[in-house]
């Protein structure tokens, strides 16, 4: 399974923010849209990621307030990225290695979407459920007229 398979299911809604936007406005967008991240874009290029992790760290550092902070001052300016062709197992390893919960998918310089650790986990579980159903169907449809091999290998 690849990133493109997850993006196909998720749909094409993308939430982005400018690095010069106020953190207060970005947090409002995240809350209103019920999302945990915003892709930070400048002049059509990905320049960072803003997640609830960066927001919480900034609020704590700023005495419990977002104040007049901008997205640029708190964003992750070197986020992990993948391509639509990246295998899900590789994405999972990358996310675990960096404790990343969100990863932008880029096709060249074009933002294709963002996948979350939840999306990856759901895809893995769905794949395993499908495999389990297929195995159970295979076992259930085992031909009745065939005898199981004897313990000693003789029939």
Protein backbone atom coordinates (compact mmCIF):
# COMPACT_ATOMS: atom_id res chain seq x y z
CA UNK A 1 0.00 0.00 0.00
CA UNK A 2 1.21 3.49 -0.86
CA UNK A 3 0.54 7.05 0.27
CA UNK A 4 -1.52 7.65 -2.88
CA UNK A 5 -3.97 4.99 -1.66
CA UNK A 6 -4.55 6.88 1.60
CA UNK A 7 -4.85 10.22 -0.19
CA UNK A 8 -7.44 8.76 -2.55
CA UNK A 9 -9.63 7.75 0.41
CA UNK A 10 -9.10 11.00 2.35
CA UNK A 11 -10.05 13.32 -0.48
CA UNK A 12 -8.42 16.54 -1.58
CA UNK A 13 -9.10 19.01 1.22
CA UNK A 14 -5.90 20.80 2.17
CA UNK A 15 -5.42 23.25 5.02
CA UNK A 16 -2.56 25.68 4.58
CA UNK A 17 -1.32 28.83 6.25
CA UNK A 18 1.18 31.55 5.42
CA UNK A 19 4.28 31.76 7.62
CA UNK A 20 3.48 35.42 8.33
CA UNK A 21 -0.02 34.62 9.64
CA UNK A 22 -0.59 35.16 13.34
CA UNK A 23 -0.43 32.05 15.48
CA UNK A 24 -3.80 33.05 16.98
CA UNK A 25 -5.47 32.94 13.56
CA UNK A 26 -3.77 29.62 12.69
CA UNK A 27 -4.93 28.06 15.98
CA UNK A 28 -8.45 29.30 15.31
CA UNK A 29 -8.40 27.66 11.87
CA UNK A 30 -7.17 24.40 13.40
CA UNK A 31 -9.89 24.46 16.07
CA UNK A 32 -12.72 25.40 13.70
CA UNK A 33 -11.68 22.78 11.14
CA UNK A 34 -10.98 20.12 13.80
CA UNK A 35 -7.50 19.44 12.43
CA UNK A 36 -4.17 18.91 14.15
CA UNK A 37 -1.89 20.49 11.57
CA UNK A 38 -1.51 23.16 8.93
CA UNK A 39 0.91 23.05 6.05
CA UNK A 40 2.89 26.28 5.91
CA UNK A 41 3.16 27.51 2.31
CA UNK A 42 5.01 30.50 0.93
CA UNK A 43 4.99 31.48 -2.76
CA UNK A 44 3.58 28.04 -3.62
CA UNK A 45 6.28 26.10 -1.78
CA UNK A 46 6.10 24.09 1.42
CA UNK A 47 8.22 25.88 4.03
CA UNK A 48 7.04 24.17 7.22
CA UNK A 49 4.40 22.43 9.29
CA UNK A 50 2.44 23.76 12.21
CA UNK A 51 1.03 21.10 14.51
CA UNK A 52 -0.53 21.19 17.94
CA UNK A 53 2.90 20.15 19.29
CA UNK A 54 4.52 23.40 18.12
CA UNK A 55 1.51 25.41 19.27
CA UNK A 56 1.62 23.97 22.80
CA UNK A 57 5.38 24.50 23.08
CA UNK A 58 5.00 28.12 21.95
CA UNK A 59 2.14 28.79 24.38
CA UNK A 60 4.14 27.37 27.29
CA UNK A 61 7.24 29.35 26.29
CA UNK A 62 5.14 32.52 25.93
CA UNK A 63 3.65 32.31 29.43
CA UNK A 64 0.38 30.63 28.45
CA UNK A 65 -0.55 32.91 25.55
CA UNK A 66 -0.04 32.98 21.79
CA UNK A 67 0.41 36.75 22.03
CA UNK A 68 1.61 38.28 18.79
CA UNK A 69 3.61 35.25 17.65
CA UNK A 70 3.58 34.40 13.96
CA UNK A 71 3.47 30.94 12.43
CA UNK A 72 7.03 31.39 11.13
CA UNK A 73 8.42 31.72 14.66
CA UNK A 74 6.99 28.41 15.89
CA UNK A 75 6.59 26.15 12.84
CA UNK A 76 8.72 23.08 12.12
CA UNK A 77 10.78 24.42 9.23
CA UNK A 78 12.18 20.98 8.29
CA UNK A 79 9.15 18.68 8.29
CA UNK A 80 9.28 15.09 7.14
CA UNK A 81 7.78 14.66 3.69
CA UNK A 82 6.93 11.75 1.46
CA UNK A 83 5.74 11.23 -2.09
CA UNK A 84 2.49 9.64 -3.25
CA UNK A 85 4.54 6.56 -4.21
CA UNK A 86 6.10 6.09 -0.75
CA UNK A 87 5.16 2.75 0.80
CA UNK A 88 3.08 2.95 3.99
CA UNK A 89 5.58 0.81 5.91
CA UNK A 90 8.29 3.37 5.13
CA UNK A 91 6.02 6.26 6.18
CA UNK A 92 5.30 4.45 9.44
CA UNK A 93 9.02 4.00 10.13
CA UNK A 94 9.74 7.65 9.32
CA UNK A 95 6.93 8.92 11.54
CA UNK A 96 7.94 6.70 14.44
CA UNK A 97 11.58 7.71 14.09
CA UNK A 98 10.80 11.43 14.35
CA UNK A 99 7.69 11.18 16.56
CA UNK A 100 5.83 12.91 13.72
CA UNK A 101 2.06 12.78 13.64
CA UNK A 102 1.58 14.51 10.27
CA UNK A 103 3.45 14.25 6.99
CA UNK A 104 2.94 16.28 3.83
CA UNK A 105 2.95 14.32 0.59
CA UNK A 106 4.70 16.12 -2.26
CA UNK A 107 4.80 15.29 -5.94
CA UNK A 108 7.89 17.27 -6.85
CA UNK A 109 7.11 20.67 -5.32
CA UNK A 110 3.32 20.20 -5.51
CA UNK A 111 1.50 19.50 -2.24
CA UNK A 112 -0.75 16.49 -2.77
CA UNK A 113 -2.07 16.16 0.78
CA UNK A 114 -1.18 15.44 4.37
CA UNK A 115 -1.34 12.04 5.98
CA UNK A 116 -1.56 11.57 9.70
CA UNK A 117 -0.34 8.77 11.90
CA UNK A 118 -4.05 7.95 12.37
CA UNK A 119 -4.42 7.57 8.58
CA UNK A 120 -1.45 5.21 8.47
CA UNK A 121 -2.70 3.15 11.43
CA UNK A 122 -6.19 2.93 9.93
CA UNK A 123 -4.80 1.79 6.57
CA UNK A 124 -2.74 -0.93 8.26
CA UNK A 125 -5.69 -2.14 10.34
CA UNK A 126 -8.03 -2.11 7.32
CA UNK A 127 -5.47 -4.10 5.32
CA UNK A 128 -5.07 -6.64 8.13
CA UNK A 129 -8.85 -6.94 8.52
CA UNK A 130 -9.19 -7.64 4.79
CA UNK A 131 -6.44 -10.25 4.94
CA UNK A 132 -8.06 -11.90 7.98
CA UNK A 133 -11.44 -12.06 6.22
CA UNK A 134 -9.81 -13.64 3.15
CA UNK A 135 -7.98 -16.23 5.27
CA UNK A 136 -11.15 -17.09 7.20
CA UNK A 137 -13.10 -17.45 3.94
CA UNK A 138 -10.35 -19.67 2.56
CA UNK A 139 -10.40 -21.88 5.66
CA UNK A 140 -14.21 -22.00 5.69
CA UNK A 141 -14.25 -23.07 2.03
CA UNK A 142 -11.67 -25.84 2.53
CA UNK A 143 -12.75 -28.85 0.44
CA UNK A 144 -14.59 -31.36 2.66
CA UNK A 145 -13.69 -34.43 0.58
CA UNK A 146 -9.96 -34.01 1.22
CA UNK A 147 -8.66 -35.70 4.29
CA UNK A 148 -6.10 -33.96 6.45
CA UNK A 149 -2.66 -35.63 6.30
CA UNK A 150 -2.04 -38.15 9.07
CA UNK A 151 0.29 -37.24 11.90
CA UNK A 152 2.96 -39.68 10.73
CA UNK A 153 2.78 -38.41 7.16
CA UNK A 154 0.99 -41.59 5.92
CA UNK A 155 -2.59 -41.53 4.69
